N, C-alpha and C. Protein backbone atom coordinates (compact mmCIF):
# COMPACT_ATOMS: atom_id res chain seq x y z
N MET A 1 -6.69 22.44 13.26
CA MET A 1 -6.78 20.99 12.92
C MET A 1 -6.47 20.88 11.88
N SER A 2 -5.38 20.20 11.25
CA SER A 2 -5.36 19.45 9.63
C SER A 2 -6.16 19.13 9.10
N SER A 3 -6.14 18.65 8.30
CA SER A 3 -7.54 18.60 7.02
C SER A 3 -7.23 16.78 7.07
N PRO A 4 -8.58 16.27 7.00
CA PRO A 4 -8.11 14.74 7.16
C PRO A 4 -7.48 13.66 6.25
N ASP A 5 -7.40 14.07 5.14
CA ASP A 5 -6.92 13.81 3.98
C ASP A 5 -5.08 14.17 3.98
N ARG A 6 -4.19 14.83 4.78
CA ARG A 6 -3.16 14.42 5.07
C ARG A 6 -2.90 13.22 5.51
N ASP A 7 -1.36 12.89 4.87
CA ASP A 7 -1.00 11.47 5.87
C ASP A 7 0.44 11.96 6.83
N GLU A 8 0.56 13.16 7.20
CA GLU A 8 1.00 13.78 8.01
C GLU A 8 0.58 14.63 8.83
N PRO A 9 0.57 14.59 10.35
CA PRO A 9 0.18 15.46 11.07
C PRO A 9 0.42 16.86 11.02
N ASP A 10 0.14 17.86 10.73
CA ASP A 10 0.72 19.32 11.04
C ASP A 10 1.69 19.14 12.01
N ASP A 11 2.54 20.60 11.82
CA ASP A 11 3.52 21.10 13.42
C ASP A 11 2.41 21.83 13.86
N SER A 12 1.13 22.36 13.73
CA SER A 12 0.44 23.55 14.35
C SER A 12 0.79 23.52 15.90
N PRO A 13 0.54 24.62 16.97
CA PRO A 13 1.03 24.35 17.91
C PRO A 13 -0.48 24.07 18.71
N ALA A 14 -0.68 22.96 19.42
CA ALA A 14 -2.01 22.58 20.19
C ALA A 14 -1.42 21.94 21.66
N PRO A 15 -2.42 22.49 22.41
CA PRO A 15 -2.26 21.60 23.41
C PRO A 15 -2.23 20.45 23.89
N PRO A 16 -1.42 20.38 24.73
CA PRO A 16 -0.63 18.49 24.75
C PRO A 16 -1.47 17.66 24.70
N GLY A 17 -3.03 17.67 25.35
CA GLY A 17 -3.85 16.63 25.59
C GLY A 17 -4.98 17.02 24.73
N ARG A 18 -5.19 18.05 23.98
CA ARG A 18 -5.76 18.03 22.94
C ARG A 18 -6.08 16.86 21.67
N ILE A 19 -7.10 16.55 21.61
CA ILE A 19 -7.13 14.92 20.57
C ILE A 19 -7.03 16.02 19.17
N ILE A 20 -6.23 15.15 18.18
CA ILE A 20 -6.60 15.26 17.20
C ILE A 20 -6.33 14.05 16.31
N LYS A 21 -7.39 14.31 15.37
CA LYS A 21 -7.79 13.08 14.72
C LYS A 21 -7.00 13.11 12.93
N HIS A 22 -6.16 11.93 12.35
CA HIS A 22 -6.01 12.41 11.10
C HIS A 22 -5.84 11.15 10.81
N SER A 23 -6.15 11.37 9.01
CA SER A 23 -6.17 9.72 8.25
C SER A 23 -5.03 9.21 7.86
N LEU A 24 -4.87 8.12 7.68
CA LEU A 24 -3.32 7.32 6.86
C LEU A 24 -3.71 6.33 6.51
N SER A 25 -2.72 5.84 5.64
CA SER A 25 -3.07 4.80 4.51
C SER A 25 -1.83 3.74 5.72
N ILE A 26 -2.92 2.71 5.62
CA ILE A 26 -1.66 1.67 6.15
C ILE A 26 -2.12 0.36 5.87
N ALA A 27 -1.37 -0.66 5.61
CA ALA A 27 -1.46 -1.85 4.71
C ALA A 27 -2.44 -1.72 3.57
N GLY A 28 -2.25 -0.29 2.99
CA GLY A 28 -3.18 -0.62 1.60
C GLY A 28 -4.48 0.04 1.89
N HIS A 29 -4.98 0.40 3.36
CA HIS A 29 -6.66 1.10 3.32
C HIS A 29 -6.24 2.39 4.51
N ARG A 30 -7.25 3.27 3.96
CA ARG A 30 -7.42 4.64 5.11
C ARG A 30 -7.92 4.09 6.32
N THR A 31 -7.28 4.33 7.50
CA THR A 31 -7.95 4.62 8.53
C THR A 31 -8.11 5.81 9.35
N SER A 32 -8.64 6.33 10.34
CA SER A 32 -8.44 7.49 10.94
C SER A 32 -7.99 7.35 12.36
N ILE A 33 -7.17 8.50 12.94
CA ILE A 33 -6.60 7.56 13.97
C ILE A 33 -6.72 8.72 15.11
N SER A 34 -7.19 8.81 16.10
CA SER A 34 -7.33 9.89 16.91
C SER A 34 -6.42 9.85 18.32
N LEU A 35 -5.34 10.82 18.65
CA LEU A 35 -4.10 10.38 19.65
C LEU A 35 -3.86 12.40 20.13
N GLU A 36 -3.76 12.32 21.09
CA GLU A 36 -3.23 13.64 21.78
C GLU A 36 -2.09 14.21 21.23
N ALA A 37 -2.14 15.80 21.05
CA ALA A 37 -0.94 16.34 20.26
C ALA A 37 0.25 15.80 20.52
N ALA A 38 -0.04 15.24 22.00
CA ALA A 38 1.86 15.45 22.78
C ALA A 38 1.88 13.69 21.64
N PHE A 39 1.16 13.21 21.47
CA PHE A 39 1.47 11.31 20.97
C PHE A 39 1.71 11.64 19.80
N TRP A 40 0.89 13.01 18.79
CA TRP A 40 1.67 12.86 17.51
C TRP A 40 3.02 13.28 17.60
N LYS A 41 3.19 14.02 18.49
CA LYS A 41 4.67 14.78 18.60
C LYS A 41 5.51 13.88 18.79
N GLY A 42 5.66 12.81 19.37
CA GLY A 42 6.39 11.68 19.79
C GLY A 42 6.33 10.54 18.83
N LEU A 43 5.31 10.79 18.15
CA LEU A 43 5.36 9.45 17.01
C LEU A 43 5.84 10.37 15.96
N ARG A 44 5.75 11.43 15.41
CA ARG A 44 6.86 12.30 14.44
C ARG A 44 8.17 12.06 15.02
N GLU A 45 8.26 12.39 16.02
CA GLU A 45 9.91 12.42 16.43
C GLU A 45 10.26 11.22 16.22
N ALA A 46 9.70 9.97 16.45
CA ALA A 46 9.80 8.54 16.34
C ALA A 46 10.39 8.19 14.87
N SER A 47 9.10 8.60 14.18
CA SER A 47 9.52 8.51 12.47
C SER A 47 11.02 9.24 12.10
N GLN A 48 11.02 10.16 12.53
CA GLN A 48 12.27 10.64 11.76
C GLN A 48 13.44 9.97 12.08
N SER A 49 13.58 9.53 13.80
CA SER A 49 14.57 9.28 14.09
C SER A 49 15.13 7.74 13.74
N ARG A 50 13.95 7.24 12.97
CA ARG A 50 14.16 5.80 12.12
C ARG A 50 14.44 6.10 10.90
N HIS A 51 14.05 7.75 10.32
CA HIS A 51 14.39 7.58 9.11
C HIS A 51 13.22 7.21 7.83
N MET A 52 11.78 6.93 8.31
CA MET A 52 10.68 6.26 8.17
C MET A 52 9.67 6.92 7.98
N SER A 53 8.80 7.34 7.29
CA SER A 53 7.51 7.94 7.11
C SER A 53 6.49 7.43 8.19
N LEU A 54 5.86 8.23 8.84
CA LEU A 54 4.91 8.21 9.79
C LEU A 54 3.76 7.20 9.43
N ALA A 55 3.03 7.03 8.34
CA ALA A 55 2.23 5.67 8.20
C ALA A 55 3.27 4.35 8.12
N ALA A 56 4.35 4.44 7.37
CA ALA A 56 5.66 3.27 7.96
C ALA A 56 5.30 2.43 8.98
N LEU A 57 6.00 3.87 10.24
CA LEU A 57 5.70 3.46 11.71
C LEU A 57 4.48 2.94 12.29
N VAL A 58 3.66 3.29 11.58
CA VAL A 58 1.66 3.05 12.16
C VAL A 58 1.62 2.00 11.59
N ALA A 59 2.29 1.33 10.51
CA ALA A 59 2.12 -0.22 9.71
C ALA A 59 2.61 -1.02 10.57
N GLU A 60 3.85 -0.69 10.71
CA GLU A 60 4.54 -1.51 11.81
C GLU A 60 4.04 -1.65 13.26
N ILE A 61 3.57 -0.62 13.89
CA ILE A 61 2.97 -0.80 15.20
C ILE A 61 1.87 -1.69 14.78
N ASP A 62 0.82 -1.84 14.02
CA ASP A 62 -0.37 -1.97 13.94
C ASP A 62 -0.14 -3.69 13.49
N ALA A 63 1.27 -3.78 12.55
CA ALA A 63 1.45 -4.85 12.51
C ALA A 63 2.02 -5.83 13.62
N THR A 64 2.26 -5.16 14.80
CA THR A 64 2.60 -5.75 16.28
C THR A 64 1.93 -5.69 17.44
N ARG A 65 0.56 -5.13 16.96
CA ARG A 65 0.14 -4.89 18.08
C ARG A 65 -0.97 -5.48 19.06
N GLY A 66 -1.19 -6.73 18.11
CA GLY A 66 -1.82 -7.69 19.33
C GLY A 66 -3.08 -7.65 19.49
N GLU A 67 -3.86 -7.57 20.24
CA GLU A 67 -5.41 -6.98 20.23
C GLU A 67 -5.40 -6.04 20.70
N ALA A 68 -4.69 -5.08 21.10
CA ALA A 68 -4.62 -3.50 21.46
C ALA A 68 -5.59 -2.80 20.43
N ASN A 69 -5.91 -1.56 20.66
CA ASN A 69 -6.15 -1.06 19.94
C ASN A 69 -5.29 -0.01 19.28
N LEU A 70 -5.33 0.46 17.67
CA LEU A 70 -4.37 1.16 17.46
C LEU A 70 -4.14 2.09 18.04
N SER A 71 -4.72 2.68 18.57
CA SER A 71 -4.13 4.37 19.21
C SER A 71 -3.90 3.72 20.34
N SER A 72 -3.95 2.81 21.34
CA SER A 72 -3.02 2.67 22.40
C SER A 72 -1.99 2.02 21.89
N ALA A 73 -1.97 1.02 21.11
CA ALA A 73 -0.70 0.40 21.10
C ALA A 73 0.37 1.67 20.48
N ILE A 74 0.07 2.56 19.72
CA ILE A 74 0.57 3.96 19.10
C ILE A 74 1.50 4.74 21.12
N ARG A 75 0.14 5.21 21.33
CA ARG A 75 0.64 5.85 22.70
C ARG A 75 1.49 4.83 23.53
N VAL A 76 1.35 3.49 23.72
CA VAL A 76 2.44 2.47 24.41
C VAL A 76 3.71 2.84 23.59
N PHE A 77 3.99 2.38 22.27
CA PHE A 77 4.82 2.67 21.77
C PHE A 77 5.53 3.80 21.80
N VAL A 78 4.82 5.20 21.24
CA VAL A 78 5.46 6.54 22.49
C VAL A 78 6.04 6.17 22.96
N LEU A 79 5.07 5.98 24.54
CA LEU A 79 5.84 6.13 25.67
C LEU A 79 7.33 5.07 25.89
N ASP A 80 7.51 3.88 25.22
CA ASP A 80 7.99 2.77 25.75
C ASP A 80 9.26 3.96 24.55
N ASP A 81 9.49 4.44 23.45
CA ASP A 81 10.44 5.00 22.80
C ASP A 81 10.87 5.88 23.50
N ALA A 82 9.98 6.88 24.27
CA ALA A 82 10.61 7.92 24.82
C ALA A 82 11.21 7.54 25.85
N GLN A 83 11.22 6.62 26.83
CA GLN A 83 11.96 5.91 27.87
C GLN A 83 13.38 5.50 27.01
N ARG A 84 12.99 4.86 26.14
CA ARG A 84 14.70 4.25 25.53
C ARG A 84 15.37 5.63 25.00
N ARG A 85 15.12 6.26 24.86
CA ARG A 85 15.61 7.10 24.25
C ARG A 85 16.28 8.58 25.44
N ASN A 86 15.44 8.17 26.44
CA ASN A 86 15.44 9.11 28.13
C ASN A 86 17.07 8.20 28.59
N THR A 87 16.57 6.83 28.43
CA THR A 87 17.97 6.00 29.33
C THR A 87 19.23 6.19 28.38
N ALA A 88 19.30 6.08 27.14
CA ALA A 88 20.23 6.29 26.05
C ALA A 88 21.08 7.26 26.27
N ALA A 89 20.17 8.74 26.56
CA ALA A 89 20.90 10.17 26.79
C ALA A 89 21.44 9.86 28.26
N ASN A 90 21.03 9.49 29.39
CA ASN A 90 21.20 9.48 30.98
C ASN A 90 22.38 8.48 30.75
N SER A 91 22.59 8.07 30.14
CA SER A 91 23.75 6.70 30.03
C SER A 91 25.19 7.27 29.38
N GLN A 92 24.89 8.52 28.99
CA GLN A 92 26.17 8.63 27.70
C GLN A 92 26.97 9.45 28.99
């Protein structure tokens, strides 16, 4: 498990369903987010494809999540992003 003080989850292999907790700075404050390893992987891929830091992407998700809790909003974002990329890849 990575240190809770890191802003980027590590790439250590973990079972996809294992819950991993990381601390990030979002909008000037520290927050801890617990997600399954597969969602951290998808979130990292999304941030890399957008050329932005993980914290910046999470801040963007946080700003648009409405009433959803942050972990749920991230999961939905990662799922939507994966579906968009899959659709784009299949249409080429």
